[in-house]
Structures are given as structure tokens and as C-alpha cells.
C-alpha atoms as a PDB file:
ATOM      1  CA  MET A   1     -61.712  87.180 -33.174  1.00  0.00           C
ATOM      2  CA  SER A   2     -60.812  90.837 -34.631  1.00  0.00           C
ATOM      3  CA  PHE A   3     -60.781  91.581 -38.466  1.00  0.00           C
ATOM      4  CA  SER A   4     -57.153  91.615 -38.515  1.00  0.00           C
ATOM      5  CA  MET A   5     -56.694  88.496 -37.020  1.00  0.00           C
ATOM      6  CA  LEU A   6     -59.385  87.239 -39.849  1.00  0.00           C
ATOM      7  CA  LYS A   7     -57.154  88.934 -42.278  1.00  0.00           C
ATOM      8  CA  THR A   8     -53.997  87.384 -41.319  1.00  0.00           C
ATOM      9  CA  GLY A   9     -55.359  84.242 -41.275  1.00  0.00           C
ATOM     10  CA  ALA A  10     -56.826  84.217 -44.733  1.00  0.00           C
ATOM     11  CA  LEU A  11     -53.766  85.613 -46.276  1.00  0.00           C
ATOM     12  CA  LEU A  12     -51.408  82.841 -44.590  1.00  0.00           C
ATOM     13  CA  ALA A  13     -53.706  80.515 -45.846  1.00  0.00           C
ATOM     14  CA  PHE A  14     -53.570  82.060 -49.434  1.00  0.00           C
ATOM     15  CA  LEU A  15     -49.952  81.606 -49.243  1.00  0.00           C
ATOM     16  CA  THR A  16     -50.367  78.118 -48.192  1.00  0.00           C
ATOM     17  CA  VAL A  17     -52.913  77.251 -51.864  1.00  0.00           C
ATOM     18  CA  ILE A  18     -50.040  79.017 -53.461  1.00  0.00           C
ATOM     19  CA  MET A  19     -47.443  76.648 -52.643  1.00  0.00           C
ATOM     20  CA  VAL A  20     -49.784  73.933 -53.380  1.00  0.00           C
ATOM     21  CA  ALA A  21     -50.476  74.725 -56.667  1.00  0.00           C
ATOM     22  CA  MET A  22     -46.723  75.092 -57.179  1.00  0.00           C
ATOM     23  CA  GLY A  23     -46.711  71.726 -56.340  1.00  0.00           C
ATOM     24  CA  ALA A  24     -49.299  70.912 -58.881  1.00  0.00           C
ATOM     25  CA  PHE A  25     -47.439  72.554 -61.451  1.00  0.00           C
ATOM     26  CA  ILE A  26     -44.086  70.458 -60.937  1.00  0.00           C
ATOM     27  CA  GLY A  27     -45.604  66.984 -60.087  1.00  0.00           C
ATOM     28  CA  GLY A  28     -49.230  67.168 -60.647  1.00  0.00           C
ATOM     29  CA  GLN A  29     -51.607  65.345 -58.254  1.00  0.00           C
ATOM     30  CA  SER A  30     -48.546  63.564 -56.227  1.00  0.00           C
ATOM     31  CA  GLY A  31     -46.857  66.914 -56.322  1.00  0.00           C
ATOM     32  CA  MET A  32     -49.515  68.749 -54.525  1.00  0.00           C
ATOM     33  CA  VAL A  33     -49.550  66.322 -51.527  1.00  0.00           C
ATOM     34  CA  ILE A  34     -45.657  66.741 -51.294  1.00  0.00           C
ATOM     35  CA  ALA A  35     -45.995  70.634 -51.373  1.00  0.00           C
ATOM     36  CA  PHE A  36     -48.896  70.079 -48.539  1.00  0.00           C
ATOM     37  CA  VAL A  37     -46.595  68.141 -46.434  1.00  0.00           C
ATOM     38  CA  ILE A  38     -43.429  70.322 -47.111  1.00  0.00           C
ATOM     39  CA  ALA A  39     -45.598  73.546 -46.045  1.00  0.00           C
ATOM     40  CA  LEU A  40     -46.816  71.712 -42.862  1.00  0.00           C
ATOM     41  CA  ALA A  41     -43.174  70.880 -42.422  1.00  0.00           C
ATOM     42  CA  THR A  42     -42.227  74.376 -42.763  1.00  0.00           C
ATOM     43  CA  ASN A  43     -44.791  75.790 -40.695  1.00  0.00           C
ATOM     44  CA  ALA A  44     -43.611  73.291 -38.140  1.00  0.00           C
ATOM     45  CA  PHE A  45     -39.774  74.324 -38.668  1.00  0.00           C
ATOM     46  CA  SER A  46     -40.412  77.798 -38.365  1.00  0.00           C
ATOM     47  CA  TYR A  47     -42.649  77.938 -35.058  1.00  0.00           C
ATOM     48  CA  TRP A  48     -39.808  76.162 -33.318  1.00  0.00           C
ATOM     49  CA  ASN A  49     -36.460  77.425 -35.009  1.00  0.00           C
ATOM     50  CA  ALA A  50     -37.355  80.436 -37.137  1.00  0.00           C
ATOM     51  CA  HIS A  51     -36.348  83.140 -34.186  1.00  0.00           C
ATOM     52  CA  THR A  52     -33.278  81.291 -33.783  1.00  0.00           C
ATOM     53  CA  ILE A  53     -32.000  81.802 -37.297  1.00  0.00           C
ATOM     54  CA  VAL A  54     -33.389  85.362 -37.644  1.00  0.00           C
ATOM     55  CA  LEU A  55     -30.928  86.553 -34.770  1.00  0.00           C
ATOM     56  CA  ARG A  56     -28.101  84.560 -36.343  1.00  0.00           C
ATOM     57  CA  MET A  57     -28.593  86.061 -39.704  1.00  0.00           C
ATOM     58  CA  HIS A  58     -28.170  89.325 -38.434  1.00  0.00           C
ATOM     59  CA  GLY A  59     -25.273  88.520 -36.222  1.00  0.00           C
ATOM     60  CA  ALA A  60     -27.192  89.589 -33.127  1.00  0.00           C
ATOM     61  CA  GLN A  61     -25.648  89.193 -29.758  1.00  0.00           C
ATOM     62  CA  LYS A  62     -27.253  88.427 -26.342  1.00  0.00           C
ATOM     63  CA  VAL A  63     -26.968  91.098 -23.760  1.00  0.00           C
ATOM     64  CA  ASP A  64     -27.672  91.263 -19.868  1.00  0.00           C
ATOM     65  CA  GLU A  65     -28.115  93.790 -17.163  1.00  0.00           C
ATOM     66  CA  ARG A  66     -24.056  93.306 -17.154  1.00  0.00           C
ATOM     67  CA  THR A  67     -23.196  93.763 -20.076  1.00  0.00           C
ATOM     68  CA  ALA A  68     -25.407  96.606 -21.314  1.00  0.00           C
ATOM     69  CA  PRO A  69     -27.167  97.958 -18.327  1.00  0.00           C
ATOM     70  CA  ASP A  70     -29.321 100.561 -19.239  1.00  0.00           C
ATOM     71  CA  TYR A  71     -30.400  99.181 -22.265  1.00  0.00           C
ATOM     72  CA  TYR A  72     -31.479  95.900 -20.568  1.00  0.00           C
ATOM     73  CA  ARG A  73     -32.968  97.648 -17.620  1.00  0.00           C
ATOM     74  CA  MET A  74     -35.255  99.866 -19.813  1.00  0.00           C
ATOM     75  CA  VAL A  75     -36.637  96.589 -21.777  1.00  0.00           C
ATOM     76  CA  ALA A  76     -37.069  95.118 -18.254  1.00  0.00           C
ATOM     77  CA  ASP A  77     -39.109  98.050 -17.214  1.00  0.00           C
ATOM     78  CA  LEU A  78     -41.229  98.200 -20.743  1.00  0.00           C
ATOM     79  CA  ALA A  79     -41.937  94.497 -20.462  1.00  0.00           C
ATOM     80  CA  HIS A  80     -43.413  95.055 -16.810  1.00  0.00           C
ATOM     81  CA  LYS A  81     -45.627  97.948 -18.144  1.00  0.00           C
ATOM     82  CA  ALA A  82     -46.752  95.642 -21.046  1.00  0.00           C
ATOM     83  CA  GLU A  83     -47.661  92.803 -18.756  1.00  0.00           C
ATOM     84  CA  LEU A  84     -45.175  90.549 -20.662  1.00  0.00           C
ATOM     85  CA  PRO A  85     -42.396  87.730 -19.670  1.00  0.00           C
ATOM     86  CA  MET A  86     -38.643  89.375 -19.718  1.00  0.00           C
ATOM     87  CA  PRO A  87     -37.841  88.578 -23.209  1.00  0.00           C
ATOM     88  CA  ASP A  88     -34.256  88.016 -24.252  1.00  0.00           C
ATOM     89  CA  VAL A  89     -32.138  91.269 -25.314  1.00  0.00           C
ATOM     90  CA  TYR A  90     -30.139  91.185 -28.318  1.00  0.00           C
ATOM     91  CA  ILE A  91     -27.792  93.761 -30.023  1.00  0.00           C
ATOM     92  CA  MET A  92     -26.946  93.900 -33.550  1.00  0.00           C
ATOM     93  CA  HIS A  93     -23.729  95.688 -34.983  1.00  0.00           C
ATOM     94  CA  SER A  94     -24.838  97.978 -37.112  1.00  0.00           C
ATOM     95  CA  SER A  95     -24.327 101.669 -38.056  1.00  0.00           C
ATOM     96  CA  GLN A  96     -28.211 102.036 -39.223  1.00  0.00           C
ATOM     97  CA  PRO A  97     -30.596 102.565 -36.567  1.00  0.00           C
ATOM     98  CA  ASN A  98     -33.472  99.871 -36.613  1.00  0.00           C
ATOM     99  CA  ALA A  99     -34.748  97.161 -34.598  1.00  0.00           C
ATOM    100  CA  PHE A 100     -36.726  93.994 -34.613  1.00  0.00           C
ATOM    101  CA  ALA A 101     -38.694  91.272 -32.273  1.00  0.00           C
ATOM    102  CA  THR A 102     -38.969  87.716 -32.943  1.00  0.00           C
ATOM    103  CA  GLY A 103     -40.215  84.405 -31.118  1.00  0.00           C
ATOM    104  CA  ARG A 104     -42.904  81.984 -31.213  1.00  0.00           C
ATOM    105  CA  ASN A 105     -44.836  83.562 -28.347  1.00  0.00           C
ATOM    106  CA  PRO A 106     -44.437  85.465 -25.538  1.00  0.00           C
ATOM    107  CA  ASP A 107     -42.768  83.210 -23.091  1.00  0.00           C
ATOM    108  CA  ASN A 108     -40.050  82.640 -26.200  1.00  0.00           C
ATOM    109  CA  SER A 109     -39.116  85.860 -27.765  1.00  0.00           C
ATOM    110  CA  ALA A 110     -36.633  88.260 -28.042  1.00  0.00           C
ATOM    111  CA  VAL A 111     -35.853  91.808 -28.866  1.00  0.00           C
ATOM    112  CA  CYS A 112     -32.898  93.423 -31.124  1.00  0.00           C
ATOM    113  CA  ALA A 113     -31.480  96.925 -31.593  1.00  0.00           C
ATOM    114  CA  SER A 114     -28.888  97.949 -33.779  1.00  0.00           C
ATOM    115  CA  THR A 115     -25.919  99.804 -32.147  1.00  0.00           C
ATOM    116  CA  GLY A 116     -26.990 102.688 -34.251  1.00  0.00           C
ATOM    117  CA  LEU A 117     -30.198 102.743 -32.885  1.00  0.00           C
ATOM    118  CA  LEU A 118     -28.718 102.685 -29.036  1.00  0.00           C
ATOM    119  CA  GLU A 119     -26.273 105.517 -30.062  1.00  0.00           C
ATOM    120  CA  MET A 120     -28.150 107.875 -32.518  1.00  0.00           C
ATOM    121  CA  LEU A 121     -31.665 107.977 -30.653  1.00  0.00           C
ATOM    122  CA  SER A 122     -32.432 109.723 -27.444  1.00  0.00           C
ATOM    123  CA  PRO A 123     -33.654 107.406 -24.470  1.00  0.00           C
ATOM    124  CA  ASN A 124     -37.379 108.230 -25.080  1.00  0.00           C
ATOM    125  CA  GLU A 125     -37.033 107.762 -28.584  1.00  0.00           C
ATOM    126  CA  VAL A 126     -35.324 104.227 -28.123  1.00  0.00           C
ATOM    127  CA  ALA A 127     -37.805 103.220 -25.196  1.00  0.00           C
ATOM    128  CA  ALA A 128     -40.817 103.772 -27.768  1.00  0.00           C
ATOM    129  CA  VAL A 129     -38.869 101.984 -30.552  1.00  0.00           C
ATOM    130  CA  MET A 130     -38.639  98.788 -28.171  1.00  0.00           C
ATOM    131  CA  ALA A 131     -42.074  99.268 -27.071  1.00  0.00           C
ATOM    132  CA  HIS A 132     -43.460  98.872 -30.676  1.00  0.00           C
ATOM    133  CA  GLU A 133     -41.278  95.735 -30.686  1.00  0.00           C
ATOM    134  CA  LEU A 134     -42.826  94.626 -27.630  1.00  0.00           C
ATOM    135  CA  ALA A 135     -46.220  95.565 -28.805  1.00  0.00           C
ATOM    136  CA  HIS A 136     -45.584  92.426 -31.681  1.00  0.00           C
ATOM    137  CA  ILE A 137     -44.974  90.284 -29.162  1.00  0.00           C
ATOM    138  CA  LYS A 138     -47.875  90.933 -27.454  1.00  0.00           C
ATOM    139  CA  ASN A 139     -50.077  90.731 -30.475  1.00  0.00           C
ATOM    140  CA  ARG A 140     -48.111  87.330 -31.457  1.00  0.00           C
ATOM    141  CA  ASP A 141     -47.173  88.931 -34.672  1.00  0.00           C
ATOM    142  CA  THR A 142     -43.657  87.705 -34.639  1.00  0.00           C
ATOM    143  CA  LEU A 143     -44.528  84.362 -35.026  1.00  0.00           C
ATOM    144  CA  ILE A 144     -47.017  85.163 -38.145  1.00  0.00           C
ATOM    145  CA  MET A 145     -44.704  87.182 -39.889  1.00  0.00           C
ATOM    146  CA  THR A 146     -41.827  84.570 -39.468  1.00  0.00           C
ATOM    147  CA  VAL A 147     -43.724  81.769 -40.672  1.00  0.00           C
ATOM    148  CA  SER A 148     -44.883  84.367 -43.447  1.00  0.00           C
ATOM    149  CA  ALA A 149     -41.299  84.795 -44.188  1.00  0.00           C
ATOM    150  CA  THR A 150     -40.530  81.233 -44.400  1.00  0.00           C
ATOM    151  CA  ILE A 151     -43.667  80.106 -46.344  1.00  0.00           C
ATOM    152  CA  ALA A 152     -42.651  82.829 -49.253  1.00  0.00           C
ATOM    153  CA  GLY A 153     -39.396  81.627 -49.322  1.00  0.00           C
ATOM    154  CA  ALA A 154     -39.914  78.139 -49.789  1.00  0.00           C
ATOM    155  CA  ILE A 155     -42.541  78.972 -52.939  1.00  0.00           C
ATOM    156  CA  SER A 156     -39.656  81.009 -54.537  1.00  0.00           C
ATOM    157  CA  MET A 157     -37.837  78.072 -54.028  1.00  0.00           C
ATOM    158  CA  MET A 158     -40.277  75.730 -55.497  1.00  0.00           C
ATOM    159  CA  ALA A 159     -40.725  78.528 -58.214  1.00  0.00           C
ATOM    160  CA  THR A 160     -36.917  78.138 -59.035  1.00  0.00           C
ATOM    161  CA  MET A 161     -37.721  74.401 -59.340  1.00  0.00           C
ATOM    162  CA  LEU A 162     -40.290  74.674 -61.726  1.00  0.00           C
ATOM    163  CA  GLN A 163     -38.192  77.126 -63.907  1.00  0.00           C
ATOM    164  CA  TYR A 164     -35.609  74.309 -63.883  1.00  0.00           C
ATOM    165  CA  SER A 165     -38.162  71.650 -64.847  1.00  0.00           C
ATOM    166  CA  MET A 166     -38.735  73.362 -67.774  1.00  0.00           C
ATOM    167  CA  LEU A 167     -35.594  73.221 -69.497  1.00  0.00           C
ATOM    168  CA  PHE A 168     -35.718  69.000 -69.368  1.00  0.00           C
ATOM    169  CA  GLY A 169     -39.450  69.337 -70.924  1.00  0.00           C
ATOM    170  CA  ARG A 170     -41.697  68.213 -67.466  1.00  0.00           C
ATOM    171  CA  GLY A 171     -43.311  71.670 -67.412  1.00  0.00           C
ATOM    172  CA  ARG A 172     -44.911  71.607 -70.655  1.00  0.00           C
ATOM    173  CA  SER A 173     -47.148  68.648 -69.235  1.00  0.00           C
ATOM    174  CA  GLY A 174     -48.352  70.792 -66.238  1.00  0.00           C
ATOM    175  CA  PRO A 175     -51.400  72.570 -66.008  1.00  0.00           C
ATOM    176  CA  GLY A 176     -51.948  75.280 -68.583  1.00  0.00           C
ATOM    177  CA  GLY A 177     -49.232  73.372 -70.371  1.00  0.00           C
ATOM    178  CA  ILE A 178     -46.033  75.657 -70.656  1.00  0.00           C
ATOM    179  CA  ILE A 179     -47.667  78.870 -70.749  1.00  0.00           C
ATOM    180  CA  GLY A 180     -49.130  78.085 -67.607  1.00  0.00           C
ATOM    181  CA  THR A 181     -46.056  76.639 -66.018  1.00  0.00           C
ATOM    182  CA  LEU A 182     -44.204  79.844 -67.058  1.00  0.00           C
ATOM    183  CA  ALA A 183     -46.634  81.960 -65.471  1.00  0.00           C
ATOM    184  CA  ALA A 184     -47.145  80.360 -62.294  1.00  0.00           C
ATOM    185  CA  ALA A 185     -42.997  80.408 -61.876  1.00  0.00           C
ATOM    186  CA  LEU A 186     -43.058  84.076 -62.567  1.00  0.00           C
ATOM    187  CA  LEU A 187     -46.417  84.986 -60.812  1.00  0.00           C
ATOM    188  CA  ALA A 188     -46.623  82.907 -57.852  1.00  0.00           C
ATOM    189  CA  PRO A 189     -43.336  84.333 -56.336  1.00  0.00           C
ATOM    190  CA  MET A 190     -44.895  87.818 -56.938  1.00  0.00           C
ATOM    191  CA  ALA A 191     -48.392  86.740 -55.550  1.00  0.00           C
ATOM    192  CA  ALA A 192     -46.256  85.273 -52.177  1.00  0.00           C
ATOM    193  CA  MET A 193     -44.447  88.935 -51.976  1.00  0.00           C
ATOM    194  CA  LEU A 194     -47.570  91.165 -51.974  1.00  0.00           C
ATOM    195  CA  VAL A 195     -49.300  88.704 -49.641  1.00  0.00           C
ATOM    196  CA  GLN A 196     -46.295  88.772 -47.164  1.00  0.00           C
ATOM    197  CA  MET A 197     -46.277  92.377 -47.118  1.00  0.00           C
ATOM    198  CA  ALA A 198     -49.679  92.873 -46.642  1.00  0.00           C
ATOM    199  CA  ILE A 199     -49.450  90.915 -43.904  1.00  0.00           C
ATOM    200  CA  SER A 200     -46.613  92.700 -42.465  1.00  0.00           C
ATOM    201  CA  ARG A 201     -48.517  96.301 -43.261  1.00  0.00           C
ATOM    202  CA  SER A 202     -51.249  95.066 -41.229  1.00  0.00           C
ATOM    203  CA  ARG A 203     -49.645  94.304 -38.131  1.00  0.00           C
ATOM    204  CA  GLU A 204     -47.533  97.761 -38.099  1.00  0.00           C
ATOM    205  CA  TYR A 205     -50.551 100.348 -36.998  1.00  0.00           C
ATOM    206  CA  ASN A 206     -51.653  98.077 -34.372  1.00  0.00           C
ATOM    207  CA  ALA A 207     -48.019  97.885 -33.101  1.00  0.00           C
ATOM    208  CA  ASP A 208     -47.469 101.825 -33.208  1.00  0.00           C
ATOM    209  CA  ARG A 209     -50.872 102.285 -31.303  1.00  0.00           C
ATOM    210  CA  ILE A 210     -49.787  99.884 -28.581  1.00  0.00           C
ATOM    211  CA  GLY A 211     -46.052 100.847 -28.342  1.00  0.00           C
ATOM    212  CA  ALA A 212     -47.044 104.521 -28.100  1.00  0.00           C
ATOM    213  CA  GLU A 213     -49.415 103.271 -24.957  1.00  0.00           C
ATOM    214  CA  ILE A 214     -47.032 101.208 -23.206  1.00  0.00           C
ATOM    215  CA  CYS A 215     -44.101 103.703 -23.773  1.00  0.00           C
ATOM    216  CA  GLY A 216     -46.703 106.578 -22.667  1.00  0.00           C
ATOM    217  CA  ASN A 217     -46.205 109.054 -25.624  1.00  0.00           C
ATOM    218  CA  PRO A 218     -46.901 108.843 -29.412  1.00  0.00           C
ATOM    219  CA  ALA A 219     -44.532 111.858 -29.835  1.00  0.00           C
ATOM    220  CA  TRP A 220     -41.271 109.772 -28.917  1.00  0.00           C
ATOM    221  CA  LEU A 221     -42.346 106.892 -31.570  1.00  0.00           C
ATOM    222  CA  ALA A 222     -43.417 109.413 -33.853  1.00  0.00           C
ATOM    223  CA  SER A 223     -40.007 110.888 -33.658  1.00  0.00           C
ATOM    224  CA  ALA A 224     -38.238 107.809 -33.283  1.00  0.00           C
ATOM    225  CA  LEU A 225     -39.821 106.819 -36.753  1.00  0.00           C
ATOM    226  CA  GLN A 226     -38.735 109.969 -38.960  1.00  0.00           C
ATOM    227  CA  ARG A 227     -35.322 109.688 -37.469  1.00  0.00           C
ATOM    228  CA  ILE A 228     -34.989 106.102 -38.312  1.00  0.00           C
ATOM    229  CA  GLN A 229     -36.350 106.568 -41.756  1.00  0.00           C
ATOM    230  CA  ALA A 230     -34.512 109.390 -42.477  1.00  0.00           C
ATOM    231  CA  ALA A 231     -30.722 107.435 -41.567  1.00  0.00           C
ATOM    232  CA  ALA A 232     -32.227 104.186 -43.633  1.00  0.00           C
ATOM    233  CA  ARG A 233     -32.036 106.195 -46.524  1.00  0.00           C
ATOM    234  CA  ASN A 234     -28.342 106.599 -46.310  1.00  0.00           C
ATOM    235  CA  VAL A 235     -26.665 103.974 -44.269  1.00  0.00           C
ATOM    236  CA  HIS A 236     -26.965 100.432 -45.158  1.00  0.00           C
ATOM    237  CA  MET A 237     -27.405  97.645 -43.428  1.00  0.00           C
ATOM    238  CA  GLU A 238     -25.420  94.500 -44.690  1.00  0.00           C
ATOM    239  CA  SER A 239     -27.229  91.978 -42.498  1.00  0.00           C
ATOM    240  CA  ALA A 240     -30.432  92.785 -44.051  1.00  0.00           C
ATOM    241  CA  GLU A 241     -29.018  92.722 -47.796  1.00  0.00           C
ATOM    242  CA  ARG A 242     -27.945  89.243 -47.180  1.00  0.00           C
ATOM    243  CA  ALA A 243     -31.305  88.290 -46.041  1.00  0.00           C
ATOM    244  CA  PRO A 244     -33.740  90.525 -47.788  1.00  0.00           C
ATOM    245  CA  ALA A 245     -36.775  88.259 -46.848  1.00  0.00           C
ATOM    246  CA  THR A 246     -36.370  89.300 -43.011  1.00  0.00           C
ATOM    247  CA  ALA A 247     -36.905  93.077 -43.788  1.00  0.00           C
ATOM    248  CA  HIS A 248     -40.248  93.187 -43.006  1.00  0.00           C
ATOM    249  CA  LEU A 249     -39.542  92.336 -39.033  1.00  0.00           C
ATOM    250  CA  PHE A 250     -37.854  95.704 -38.616  1.00  0.00           C
ATOM    251  CA  ILE A 251     -39.736  98.954 -37.428  1.00  0.00           C
ATOM    252  CA  ILE A 252     -38.668 100.448 -40.723  1.00  0.00           C
ATOM    253  CA  ASN A 253     -37.526  98.821 -43.625  1.00  0.00           C
ATOM    254  CA  PRO A 254     -33.426  98.616 -43.733  1.00  0.00           C
ATOM    255  CA  LEU A 255     -33.184  98.207 -47.539  1.00  0.00           C
ATOM    256  CA  PHE A 256     -35.185 101.372 -48.525  1.00  0.00           C
ATOM    257  CA  GLY A 257     -36.886 104.049 -47.469  1.00  0.00           C
ATOM    258  CA  GLY A 258     -40.199 103.580 -48.659  1.00  0.00           C
ATOM    259  CA  THR A 259     -42.023 106.648 -49.975  1.00  0.00           C
ATOM    260  CA  PHE A 260     -45.256 105.138 -50.978  1.00  0.00           C
ATOM    261  CA  ASP A 261     -47.940 103.405 -49.259  1.00  0.00           C
ATOM    262  CA  ASN A 262     -48.670 100.586 -51.881  1.00  0.00           C
ATOM    263  CA  LEU A 263     -48.456  96.818 -52.165  1.00  0.00           C
ATOM    264  CA  PHE A 264     -45.132  97.023 -53.115  1.00  0.00           C
ATOM    265  CA  SER A 265     -44.126  98.402 -49.557  1.00  0.00           C
ATOM    266  CA  THR A 266     -43.145  95.851 -46.902  1.00  0.00           C
ATOM    267  CA  HIS A 267     -44.112  98.828 -44.324  1.00  0.00           C
ATOM    268  CA  PRO A 268     -46.779 101.587 -44.361  1.00  0.00           C
ATOM    269  CA  ASN A 269     -45.801 105.167 -45.090  1.00  0.00           C
ATOM    270  CA  THR A 270     -44.111 106.685 -42.373  1.00  0.00           C
ATOM    271  CA  GLU A 271     -45.816 109.731 -42.848  1.00  0.00           C
ATOM    272  CA  ASN A 272     -49.424 107.958 -42.226  1.00  0.00           C
ATOM    273  CA  ARG A 273     -47.827 106.101 -39.256  1.00  0.00           C
ATOM    274  CA  VAL A 274     -47.066 109.413 -37.647  1.00  0.00           C
ATOM    275  CA  GLU A 275     -50.475 110.945 -38.633  1.00  0.00           C
ATOM    276  CA  ALA A 276     -51.853 107.909 -36.840  1.00  0.00           C
ATOM    277  CA  LEU A 277     -49.670 108.583 -33.982  1.00  0.00           C
ATOM    278  CA  ARG A 278     -50.831 112.160 -33.768  1.00  0.00           C
ATOM    279  CA  GLU A 279     -54.427 110.967 -33.692  1.00  0.00           C
ATOM    280  CA  LEU A 280     -53.674 108.907 -30.748  1.00  0.00           C
ATOM    281  CA  ALA A 281     -51.790 111.737 -29.246  1.00  0.00           C
ATOM    282  CA  GLU A 282     -55.240 113.714 -29.255  1.00  0.00           C
ATOM    283  CA  GLU A 283     -56.861 110.857 -27.454  1.00  0.00           C
ATOM    284  CA  MET A 284     -54.373 110.435 -24.789  1.00  0.00           C
ATOM    285  CA  GLY A 285     -53.856 114.184 -24.022  1.00  0.00           C
ATOM    286  CA  THR A 286     -50.659 114.160 -24.216  1.00  0.00           C
ATOM    287  CA  GLY A 287     -49.592 116.775 -26.608  1.00  0.00           C
ATOM    288  CA  ALA A 288     -48.953 117.798 -30.332  1.00  0.00           C
ATOM    289  CA  ILE A 289     -46.258 115.846 -32.604  1.00  0.00           C
ATOM    290  CA  GLU A 290     -44.050 118.074 -34.247  1.00  0.00           C
ATOM    291  CA  ALA A 291     -41.682 116.927 -36.705  1.00  0.00           C
ATOM    292  CA  PRO A 292     -38.438 116.762 -35.568  1.00  0.00           C
ATOM    293  CA  SER A 293     -35.872 119.866 -36.934  1.00  0.00           C
ATOM    294  CA  ASP A 294     -32.833 117.504 -36.862  1.00  0.00           C
ATOM    295  CA  ALA A 295     -34.297 114.598 -38.347  1.00  0.00           C
ATOM    296  CA  GLY A 296     -31.248 112.193 -39.549  1.00  0.00           C
ATOM    297  CA  ASP A 297     -28.323 114.258 -37.446  1.00  0.00           C
ATOM    298  CA  SER A 298     -26.058 112.443 -35.358  1.00  0.00           C
ATOM    299  CA  GLY A 299     -28.647 112.036 -32.565  1.00  0.00           C
ATOM    300  CA  GLU A 300     -26.838 114.056 -30.049  1.00  0.00           C
ATOM    301  CA  ARG A 301     -29.450 115.196 -27.430  1.00  0.00           C
ATOM    302  CA  GLU A 302     -29.255 116.686 -23.799  1.00  0.00           C
ATOM    303  CA  ASP A 303     -31.067 115.826 -20.529  1.00  0.00           C
ATOM    304  CA  ARG A 304     -32.828 118.197 -17.839  1.00  0.00           C
ATOM    305  CA  ASP A 305     -29.369 118.465 -16.360  1.00  0.00           C
ATOM    306  CA  GLY A 306     -28.151 120.198 -19.723  1.00  0.00           C
ATOM    307  CA  LYS A 307     -25.812 116.715 -20.240  1.00  0.00           C
ATOM    308  CA  PRO A 308     -25.625 115.025 -23.376  1.00  0.00           C
ATOM    309  CA  THR A 309     -26.998 111.827 -23.985  1.00  0.00           C
ATOM    310  CA  ARG A 310     -25.833 110.427 -26.983  1.00  0.00           C
ATOM    311  CA  GLY A 311     -24.760 106.715 -26.555  1.00  0.00           C
ATOM    312  CA  ARG A 312     -25.915 106.568 -23.287  1.00  0.00           C
ATOM    313  CA  PHE A 313     -27.258 103.152 -23.575  1.00  0.00           C
ATOM    314  CA  LEU A 314     -23.295 102.219 -25.190  1.00  0.00           C
ATOM    315  CA  GLY A 315     -21.718 104.267 -22.701  1.00  0.00           C
ATOM    316  CA  ARG A 316     -20.203 103.491 -19.370  1.00  0.00           C
ATOM    317  CA  GLY A 317     -20.439 100.270 -17.587  1.00  0.00           C
ATOM    318  CA  SER A 318     -21.864  98.526 -21.089  1.00  0.00           C
ATOM    319  CA  ARG A 319     -19.354  95.846 -22.205  1.00  0.00           C
ATOM    320  CA  ILE A 320     -20.694  94.702 -25.744  1.00  0.00           C
ATOM    321  CA  PRO A 321     -19.072  91.950 -27.657  1.00  0.00           C
ATOM    322  CA  PRO A 322     -17.060  92.801 -30.778  1.00  0.00           C
ATOM    323  CA  ARG A 323     -18.816  92.068 -34.114  1.00  0.00           C
ATOM    324  CA  LYS A 324     -18.864  88.511 -35.209  1.00  0.00           C
ATOM    325  CA  GLN A 325     -17.300  88.319 -38.281  1.00  0.00           C
ATOM    326  CA  HIS A 326     -19.528  86.256 -40.970  1.00  0.00           C
ATOM    327  CA  ARG A 327     -17.304  83.368 -42.434  1.00  0.00           C
ATOM    328  CA  ARG A 328     -17.924  82.836 -46.365  1.00  0.00           C
ATOM    329  CA  GLY A 329     -18.549  79.357 -47.750  1.00  0.00           C
ATOM    330  CA  PRO A 330     -16.975  78.273 -50.846  1.00  0.00           C
ATOM    331  CA  TRP A 331     -19.974  79.906 -52.815  1.00  0.00           C
ATOM    332  CA  GLY A 332     -19.791  83.183 -51.207  1.00  0.00           C
END
């Protein structure tokens, strides 16, 4: 077992400890038992259903060789190179170029690209991005990150419960009195967030490396990362803003283009990721990686025959269903 897997397992265990401790603050010893049962139930629910929920959150729509032939065949070719079963293929309607993978294991997995990604990036860059997502599936990162997001969400919910319990005087009888209860309500969600970010960040570098090996050229992924981050700074993703807990699933944080590689970033700094890919390119002998001169542009490229390739994956032959309208409930 690698050090990275041991580190991830320890972080997940720490999340569970935080959740059980929150139960102790809410209900004492019986609260600890209830919180532990909830943690087990949360993990079980995440294992079987979280990937479906994530896809629905972002309005993702399943496509096949008939509705998106070029995109679907490209994913199939990459999955074959990665020696993976064919995942389900989805498209989400968003102008921001981005992508994510989800699923409990390689046999039950899905990849999803935004319409912005398929329209803005070149075919080689799109292939590199999807290879990165397949690397997450190959490493089973999708399950780890989804479970961590679910537990972190449960901890935040319990922190809210703890705050309400203080209003009715119950928090004063918890460990540490009212000060200890208040500290737990404020610090536990923050600690859970930091652990969740650490899990995500520790998996991205490895997925970059394996994804570059799958697509065959680290330069394609490096260029894609720089273009996506440039666009993410200026183009909002509404679905990610509605479900910020899923931000760490994307190849680049869809909520903001983080500039600091620190504990408060869901993703490693893009410059550091590009530098790691540059070192990999030297190892593979694929040539030097240069910063794209037109990062953040409209994405129009030309193929070897001089024909524009922009929108190739959503061009002739594609029949993508229209965007689903999100229905608002009585509480907005």
C-alpha cells in the first residue's frame, strides 16, 4: 500500500473522529454512538448513490455514440488505453470549461465534460482532460473524494444542530461547557473542510501524471490546465455555486482560480501542476512544455489541414439534449 493511500485513509478516519466528537457534544455518550451509526450510514449511502446525486446536481445528461459521436469515441479510446471498462459519458451545460469523474469503482463510473470544455479546447487538450478523469477512476479517487464530501457535509449539518442546541441551553452541559461547545460548532466544520481539501489535493498530482501517460503527452494536459484556470476566473458555473461541496471533484476549482498552493485551496496551484508535468515530459521525452500564448481565448484551433477545430465535439453529428431547467422549491 502506497504512502498516499495510507495518508488518505488516515484523513478519512480523522473525518469520522470529528463526526463522532460532534455527536458527543450534542448528546454525550449516546450522541457519540448515534453519530458513529450516522457516519456508517453516510458512508454506505455515499458508496451506492453519491455519484448519481452529483450528476443530478450539475444537470449532467448522458450521451452515447449517436448523440455525441466524437466525444464518446474519444473517451472509449482513452478507456481502452487505460485498460478500464467503458464509463458512462455525460455532458453538462456550462460555458466554463471543466470536467469531473464520479463513481464507486471502475465498473460503475462516469465522466462528465462541460459544453464549454468541448467547445473551447483543442481535441488534444480535451483528450488530456478526460484522461486525467479516467486516472481518478483508475485510482478509485472518485469514491474517496465523494465519501469525504458526504462526511464533511454531515459534520456541517451537525455543527448547525449544535448551534441550535446552545440556544436552548443544552450546549452548556456538553464537554468544556458553553465555550467548548461553541468552539466545536465553529472549528469542526473548518477542520473537516481542511481534511477534505487535503484529500483532494493529494490525489490531483497523481491523476495528472497517470492522465498524461494515458493520453501520451504531458504538454496537452499542461496547456488544458492553464486554459481552464484562465476561463474559470471569468466564467461562473451556476451548478457549482449551488453545490460548492462538489468543487473538489473538478479538474480545476470551478468556484475560483486559486493562486496559492495552501491549505485553503481545494486544488494544487496550477503552476505547480504544470511544473510537475514539465518534469514528466522530460522523463517521457515528449518535448518541452511552453505556456500557451492564447490562454483564455475562444479556443479556436486549426488541424493539420488548416481547418478550424473549435466545437468539433459538439459539431456536425452531435445531438445533445437541451439544458434541463432547474425547478425551485418553496424555499428557493
